[in-house]
Amino acid sequence: MKNNASTNQLPKDRIAGLTYWVYIVQNNITHVRQVCYSICSSRKVEHLAPSQTLVYYRYFDRVDDALGHKLLLESLSYQSLTCVIENANVH
């Protein structure tokens, strides 16, 4: 079995130029939060609906790291998720 470094190939969980986003949007009216996942070729989150506010975001270079983080956020209580959001530096 060849090493990826010697064959100049990226690991299967990485695709050149793609960024994997995990982010939380909050509805401005109902205050319901939604944990989202996106794949993008640039390091920015896609457009949101006018009624949504981006309250947390984080990007990953590896899809398995991004999906693991999404699952972690989805498993947290509302209070714990609030702590994560408050401790993140979202501008």
C-alpha atoms as a PDB file:
ATOM      1  CA  MET A   1       0.000   0.000   0.000  1.00  0.00           C
ATOM      2  CA  LYS A   2       1.445   3.363  -1.019  1.00  0.00           C
ATOM      3  CA  ASN A   3       1.724   6.371   1.241  1.00  0.00           C
ATOM      4  CA  ASN A   4      -0.352   9.384   0.112  1.00  0.00           C
ATOM      5  CA  ALA A   5       2.709  11.629   0.362  1.00  0.00           C
ATOM      6  CA  SER A   6       4.636   9.536  -2.106  1.00  0.00           C
ATOM      7  CA  THR A   7       1.795   9.480  -4.655  1.00  0.00           C
ATOM      8  CA  ASN A   8       0.891  13.178  -4.276  1.00  0.00           C
ATOM      9  CA  GLN A   9      -2.754  12.310  -3.618  1.00  0.00           C
ATOM     10  CA  LEU A  10      -4.962  13.852  -0.976  1.00  0.00           C
ATOM     11  CA  PRO A  11      -6.544  11.528   1.584  1.00  0.00           C
ATOM     12  CA  LYS A  12     -10.058  10.389   0.659  1.00  0.00           C
ATOM     13  CA  ASP A  13     -11.641  12.686   3.270  1.00  0.00           C
ATOM     14  CA  ARG A  14     -10.057  15.810   1.756  1.00  0.00           C
ATOM     15  CA  ILE A  15     -10.845  17.281  -1.609  1.00  0.00           C
ATOM     16  CA  ALA A  16      -8.582  20.072  -2.833  1.00  0.00           C
ATOM     17  CA  GLY A  17     -10.118  23.509  -2.523  1.00  0.00           C
ATOM     18  CA  LEU A  18     -13.186  22.537  -0.500  1.00  0.00           C
ATOM     19  CA  THR A  19     -14.047  23.866   2.929  1.00  0.00           C
ATOM     20  CA  TYR A  20     -16.513  22.089   5.181  1.00  0.00           C
ATOM     21  CA  TRP A  21     -18.613  24.462   7.288  1.00  0.00           C
ATOM     22  CA  VAL A  22     -20.550  23.793  10.456  1.00  0.00           C
ATOM     23  CA  TYR A  23     -22.640  26.739  11.542  1.00  0.00           C
ATOM     24  CA  ILE A  24     -25.634  27.682  13.639  1.00  0.00           C
ATOM     25  CA  VAL A  25     -28.370  29.989  12.447  1.00  0.00           C
ATOM     26  CA  GLN A  26     -31.051  31.440  14.655  1.00  0.00           C
ATOM     27  CA  ASN A  27     -34.490  32.510  13.520  1.00  0.00           C
ATOM     28  CA  ASN A  28     -34.948  36.185  14.438  1.00  0.00           C
ATOM     29  CA  ILE A  29     -38.652  35.708  15.195  1.00  0.00           C
ATOM     30  CA  THR A  30     -38.898  32.319  16.940  1.00  0.00           C
ATOM     31  CA  HIS A  31     -35.274  32.196  18.249  1.00  0.00           C
ATOM     32  CA  VAL A  32     -35.100  28.547  17.157  1.00  0.00           C
ATOM     33  CA  ARG A  33     -31.553  27.462  16.364  1.00  0.00           C
ATOM     34  CA  GLN A  34     -30.515  25.132  13.576  1.00  0.00           C
ATOM     35  CA  VAL A  35     -27.134  23.404  13.254  1.00  0.00           C
ATOM     36  CA  CYS A  36     -26.150  23.358   9.584  1.00  0.00           C
ATOM     37  CA  TYR A  37     -23.461  21.778   7.431  1.00  0.00           C
ATOM     38  CA  SER A  38     -22.218  23.056   4.097  1.00  0.00           C
ATOM     39  CA  ILE A  39     -19.491  22.379   1.555  1.00  0.00           C
ATOM     40  CA  CYS A  40     -18.035  25.406  -0.168  1.00  0.00           C
ATOM     41  CA  SER A  41     -15.068  26.141  -2.388  1.00  0.00           C
ATOM     42  CA  SER A  42     -14.392  29.386  -0.516  1.00  0.00           C
ATOM     43  CA  ARG A  43     -14.099  30.157   3.157  1.00  0.00           C
ATOM     44  CA  LYS A  44     -17.468  31.864   3.572  1.00  0.00           C
ATOM     45  CA  VAL A  45     -20.925  30.706   4.511  1.00  0.00           C
ATOM     46  CA  GLU A  46     -23.598  30.863   1.840  1.00  0.00           C
ATOM     47  CA  HIS A  47     -26.389  33.448   1.978  1.00  0.00           C
ATOM     48  CA  LEU A  48     -28.939  33.153   4.760  1.00  0.00           C
ATOM     49  CA  ALA A  49     -32.654  33.836   4.713  1.00  0.00           C
ATOM     50  CA  PRO A  50     -33.620  37.374   5.812  1.00  0.00           C
ATOM     51  CA  SER A  51     -35.193  35.964   8.988  1.00  0.00           C
ATOM     52  CA  GLN A  52     -31.987  34.143  10.011  1.00  0.00           C
ATOM     53  CA  THR A  53     -28.913  35.325  11.874  1.00  0.00           C
ATOM     54  CA  LEU A  54     -25.579  33.541  11.831  1.00  0.00           C
ATOM     55  CA  VAL A  55     -24.681  33.005  15.500  1.00  0.00           C
ATOM     56  CA  TYR A  56     -21.806  30.510  15.189  1.00  0.00           C
ATOM     57  CA  TYR A  57     -19.532  29.204  12.464  1.00  0.00           C
ATOM     58  CA  ARG A  58     -16.460  27.053  12.118  1.00  0.00           C
ATOM     59  CA  TYR A  59     -14.753  25.603   9.076  1.00  0.00           C
ATOM     60  CA  PHE A  60     -12.851  22.367   8.644  1.00  0.00           C
ATOM     61  CA  ASP A  61     -10.523  20.956   6.015  1.00  0.00           C
ATOM     62  CA  ARG A  62     -11.668  17.397   6.683  1.00  0.00           C
ATOM     63  CA  VAL A  63     -15.218  16.194   6.190  1.00  0.00           C
ATOM     64  CA  ASP A  64     -15.102  13.733   9.090  1.00  0.00           C
ATOM     65  CA  ASP A  65     -14.033  16.482  11.504  1.00  0.00           C
ATOM     66  CA  ALA A  66     -16.863  18.729  10.302  1.00  0.00           C
ATOM     67  CA  LEU A  67     -19.534  16.048  10.582  1.00  0.00           C
ATOM     68  CA  GLY A  68     -18.267  15.001  13.999  1.00  0.00           C
ATOM     69  CA  HIS A  69     -18.467  18.592  15.205  1.00  0.00           C
ATOM     70  CA  LYS A  70     -21.990  18.924  13.783  1.00  0.00           C
ATOM     71  CA  LEU A  71     -23.083  15.798  15.655  1.00  0.00           C
ATOM     72  CA  LEU A  72     -21.529  17.128  18.847  1.00  0.00           C
ATOM     73  CA  LEU A  73     -23.386  20.448  18.558  1.00  0.00           C
ATOM     74  CA  GLU A  74     -26.670  18.677  17.820  1.00  0.00           C
ATOM     75  CA  SER A  75     -26.293  16.570  20.970  1.00  0.00           C
ATOM     76  CA  LEU A  76     -25.853  19.569  23.280  1.00  0.00           C
ATOM     77  CA  SER A  77     -28.619  21.044  25.400  1.00  0.00           C
ATOM     78  CA  TYR A  78     -29.933  24.513  24.580  1.00  0.00           C
ATOM     79  CA  GLN A  79     -27.981  25.948  27.526  1.00  0.00           C
ATOM     80  CA  SER A  80     -24.734  24.245  26.492  1.00  0.00           C
ATOM     81  CA  LEU A  81     -25.186  25.425  22.915  1.00  0.00           C
ATOM     82  CA  THR A  82     -25.657  28.961  24.246  1.00  0.00           C
ATOM     83  CA  CYS A  83     -22.293  28.655  26.027  1.00  0.00           C
ATOM     84  CA  VAL A  84     -20.590  27.488  22.824  1.00  0.00           C
ATOM     85  CA  ILE A  85     -22.066  30.439  20.933  1.00  0.00           C
ATOM     86  CA  GLU A  86     -21.122  32.948  23.630  1.00  0.00           C
ATOM     87  CA  ASN A  87     -17.533  31.672  23.741  1.00  0.00           C
ATOM     88  CA  ALA A  88     -17.073  31.801  19.971  1.00  0.00           C
ATOM     89  CA  ASN A  89     -15.778  34.977  18.352  1.00  0.00           C
ATOM     90  CA  VAL A  90     -18.482  35.558  15.759  1.00  0.00           C
ATOM     91  CA  HIS A  91     -18.318  39.060  14.292  1.00  0.00           C
END
